[in-house]
Each structure stands twice: as C-alpha cells, then as structure tokens.
C-alpha atoms as a PDB file:
ATOM      1  CA  MET A   1      -2.305 -46.892  13.582  1.00  0.00           C
ATOM      2  CA  MET A   2      -2.873 -43.168  14.026  1.00  0.00           C
ATOM      3  CA  HIS A   3      -0.488 -41.000  16.020  1.00  0.00           C
ATOM      4  CA  ASN A   4      -1.308 -37.604  17.446  1.00  0.00           C
ATOM      5  CA  THR A   5       1.233 -34.880  16.961  1.00  0.00           C
ATOM      6  CA  VAL A   6       1.494 -32.313  19.722  1.00  0.00           C
ATOM      7  CA  GLY A   7       3.702 -29.245  19.640  1.00  0.00           C
ATOM      8  CA  TRP A   8       4.841 -26.976  22.420  1.00  0.00           C
ATOM      9  CA  HIS A   9       6.174 -23.507  21.791  1.00  0.00           C
ATOM     10  CA  ILE A  10       8.680 -22.201  24.287  1.00  0.00           C
ATOM     11  CA  GLU A  11       9.306 -18.477  24.531  1.00  0.00           C
ATOM     12  CA  LEU A  12      12.584 -17.041  25.788  1.00  0.00           C
ATOM     13  CA  GLU A  13      12.961 -13.363  26.638  1.00  0.00           C
ATOM     14  CA  PHE A  14      16.139 -11.627  27.759  1.00  0.00           C
ATOM     15  CA  GLU A  15      17.024  -8.474  29.680  1.00  0.00           C
ATOM     16  CA  GLU A  16      20.637  -7.350  29.596  1.00  0.00           C
ATOM     17  CA  ASP A  17      22.997  -4.700  30.833  1.00  0.00           C
ATOM     18  CA  ASP A  18      26.797  -4.549  30.636  1.00  0.00           C
ATOM     19  CA  GLN A  19      27.329  -7.295  33.205  1.00  0.00           C
ATOM     20  CA  HIS A  20      24.082  -9.228  33.685  1.00  0.00           C
ATOM     21  CA  THR A  21      21.719 -11.197  31.506  1.00  0.00           C
ATOM     22  CA  ARG A  22      18.359 -12.414  32.756  1.00  0.00           C
ATOM     23  CA  ALA A  23      16.229 -14.924  30.876  1.00  0.00           C
ATOM     24  CA  VAL A  24      12.605 -15.947  31.262  1.00  0.00           C
ATOM     25  CA  ALA A  25      11.363 -19.161  29.653  1.00  0.00           C
ATOM     26  CA  LEU A  26       7.645 -19.781  29.214  1.00  0.00           C
ATOM     27  CA  VAL A  27       5.776 -22.797  27.885  1.00  0.00           C
ATOM     28  CA  ARG A  28       2.009 -22.989  27.418  1.00  0.00           C
ATOM     29  CA  LEU A  29       0.757 -26.553  27.674  1.00  0.00           C
ATOM     30  CA  PRO A  30      -2.246 -28.060  25.881  1.00  0.00           C
ATOM     31  CA  ASP A  31      -4.125 -28.301  29.204  1.00  0.00           C
ATOM     32  CA  GLY A  32      -4.062 -24.495  29.417  1.00  0.00           C
ATOM     33  CA  SER A  33      -1.412 -24.278  32.108  1.00  0.00           C
ATOM     34  CA  GLU A  34       1.712 -22.163  31.795  1.00  0.00           C
ATOM     35  CA  ILE A  35       5.092 -22.843  33.320  1.00  0.00           C
ATOM     36  CA  ARG A  36       7.619 -20.047  33.710  1.00  0.00           C
ATOM     37  CA  ALA A  37      11.280 -20.320  34.724  1.00  0.00           C
ATOM     38  CA  HIS A  38      14.207 -17.932  35.106  1.00  0.00           C
ATOM     39  CA  GLY A  39      17.922 -17.984  34.376  1.00  0.00           C
ATOM     40  CA  HIS A  40      20.753 -15.567  35.042  1.00  0.00           C
ATOM     41  CA  ALA A  41      24.289 -14.979  33.797  1.00  0.00           C
ATOM     42  CA  THR A  42      26.924 -12.557  35.046  1.00  0.00           C
ATOM     43  CA  ARG A  43      29.899 -11.424  32.974  1.00  0.00           C
ATOM     44  CA  HIS A  44      33.214 -11.380  34.804  1.00  0.00           C
ATOM     45  CA  ARG A  45      34.734  -7.898  34.697  1.00  0.00           C
ATOM     46  CA  VAL A  46      37.832  -9.087  32.760  1.00  0.00           C
ATOM     47  CA  ASP A  47      35.790 -10.860  30.056  1.00  0.00           C
ATOM     48  CA  SER A  48      34.865  -9.104  26.838  1.00  0.00           C
ATOM     49  CA  ASN A  49      31.252  -8.017  26.414  1.00  0.00           C
ATOM     50  CA  GLN A  50      29.576 -10.802  24.412  1.00  0.00           C
ATOM     51  CA  PRO A  51      25.812 -10.482  24.857  1.00  0.00           C
ATOM     52  CA  ARG A  52      25.109 -13.660  22.865  1.00  0.00           C
ATOM     53  CA  VAL A  53      27.152 -15.743  25.329  1.00  0.00           C
ATOM     54  CA  GLY A  54      25.248 -14.266  28.271  1.00  0.00           C
ATOM     55  CA  GLU A  55      21.976 -15.095  26.506  1.00  0.00           C
ATOM     56  CA  GLU A  56      23.096 -18.672  25.891  1.00  0.00           C
ATOM     57  CA  ILE A  57      24.054 -19.194  29.537  1.00  0.00           C
ATOM     58  CA  ALA A  58      21.011 -17.472  31.009  1.00  0.00           C
ATOM     59  CA  GLY A  59      18.739 -19.183  28.458  1.00  0.00           C
ATOM     60  CA  ALA A  60      20.198 -22.611  29.210  1.00  0.00           C
ATOM     61  CA  ARG A  61      19.701 -22.064  32.923  1.00  0.00           C
ATOM     62  CA  ALA A  62      16.089 -20.980  32.382  1.00  0.00           C
ATOM     63  CA  LEU A  63      15.412 -24.005  30.168  1.00  0.00           C
ATOM     64  CA  ASN A  64      16.985 -26.307  32.765  1.00  0.00           C
ATOM     65  CA  GLU A  65      14.699 -24.876  35.454  1.00  0.00           C
ATOM     66  CA  LEU A  66      11.756 -25.212  33.055  1.00  0.00           C
ATOM     67  CA  ALA A  67      12.592 -28.898  32.534  1.00  0.00           C
ATOM     68  CA  MET A  68      12.688 -29.492  36.276  1.00  0.00           C
ATOM     69  CA  ARG A  69       9.327 -27.756  36.728  1.00  0.00           C
ATOM     70  CA  LEU A  70       7.818 -29.920  33.964  1.00  0.00           C
ATOM     71  CA  LEU A  71       9.109 -33.051  35.728  1.00  0.00           C
ATOM     72  CA  ALA A  72       7.612 -31.873  39.023  1.00  0.00           C
ATOM     73  CA  LYS A  73       4.258 -31.214  37.306  1.00  0.00           C
ATOM     74  CA  ALA A  74       4.314 -34.694  35.746  1.00  0.00           C
ATOM     75  CA  HIS A  75       5.012 -36.289  39.140  1.00  0.00           C
ATOM     76  CA  GLU A  76       2.144 -34.385  40.729  1.00  0.00           C
ATOM     77  CA  GLU A  77      -0.201 -35.613  38.001  1.00  0.00           C
ATOM     78  CA  ILE A  78       1.021 -39.227  38.292  1.00  0.00           C
ATOM     79  CA  ASP A  79       0.583 -39.108  42.066  1.00  0.00           C
ATOM     80  CA  ALA A  80      -2.887 -37.552  41.843  1.00  0.00           C
ATOM     81  CA  ASP A  81      -4.040 -40.136  39.298  1.00  0.00           C
ATOM     82  CA  SER A  82      -2.506 -43.206  40.947  1.00  0.00           C
ATOM     83  CA  GLY A  83      -2.953 -42.293  44.600  1.00  0.00           C
ATOM     84  CA  ARG A  84       0.656 -43.151  45.345  1.00  0.00           C
ATOM     85  CA  ILE A  85       4.001 -41.376  45.342  1.00  0.00           C
ATOM     86  CA  SER A  86       5.878 -41.776  42.072  1.00  0.00           C
ATOM     87  CA  HIS A  87       9.607 -42.381  41.772  1.00  0.00           C
ATOM     88  CA  ALA A  88      11.776 -39.456  40.759  1.00  0.00           C
ATOM     89  CA  ILE A  89      12.654 -39.155  37.083  1.00  0.00           C
ATOM     90  CA  HIS A  90      16.357 -38.427  36.794  1.00  0.00           C
ATOM     91  CA  VAL A  91      17.704 -36.333  33.965  1.00  0.00           C
END
C-alpha cells in the first residue's frame, strides 16, 4: 500500500517593541490557498524585558487562530461537498 506524504510549511514573523509583540502566522496549502492569522502579547510594566517570551505567547496565539481558521476551512469544504452542515470539530 502506497502512502502520500504531504508537508506544510508554516511561517511565523514577529514585530516587537519594549512592551508589545505581534506575530503573523502563514500557511500555504497544496490547493494554492493561504491562511494567515495574528497573535499579540503585551509585557506587564513590572516584568523584565524577555523578547523570547513575548514571541512564544504571540506565536502561540497566532498558531491557535491559524488552527481555528483551518478547521473552519475544512468545515466549509465538507459542507460544500456533502450538501449538508457538518458537526463542529472540537479541539
């Protein structure tokens, strides 16, 4: 039995200042579509400046939004193909 291997590459980009980190996640799918999502983190004024932590939080939030957008896209495709409304996939 032959199995197809498919890979997706997800890009994360960050913009930062002393108190805010913004992340953008992008995935390009084999069907040619792109899905983009955003995340944000804010450093509390009493916390030390740790850019890596802001990136992790903002990145995680962007990836979470990306996952939800992928689920929504899958539901739209199931519905379009089947002609009925699919049940929500819970994560």
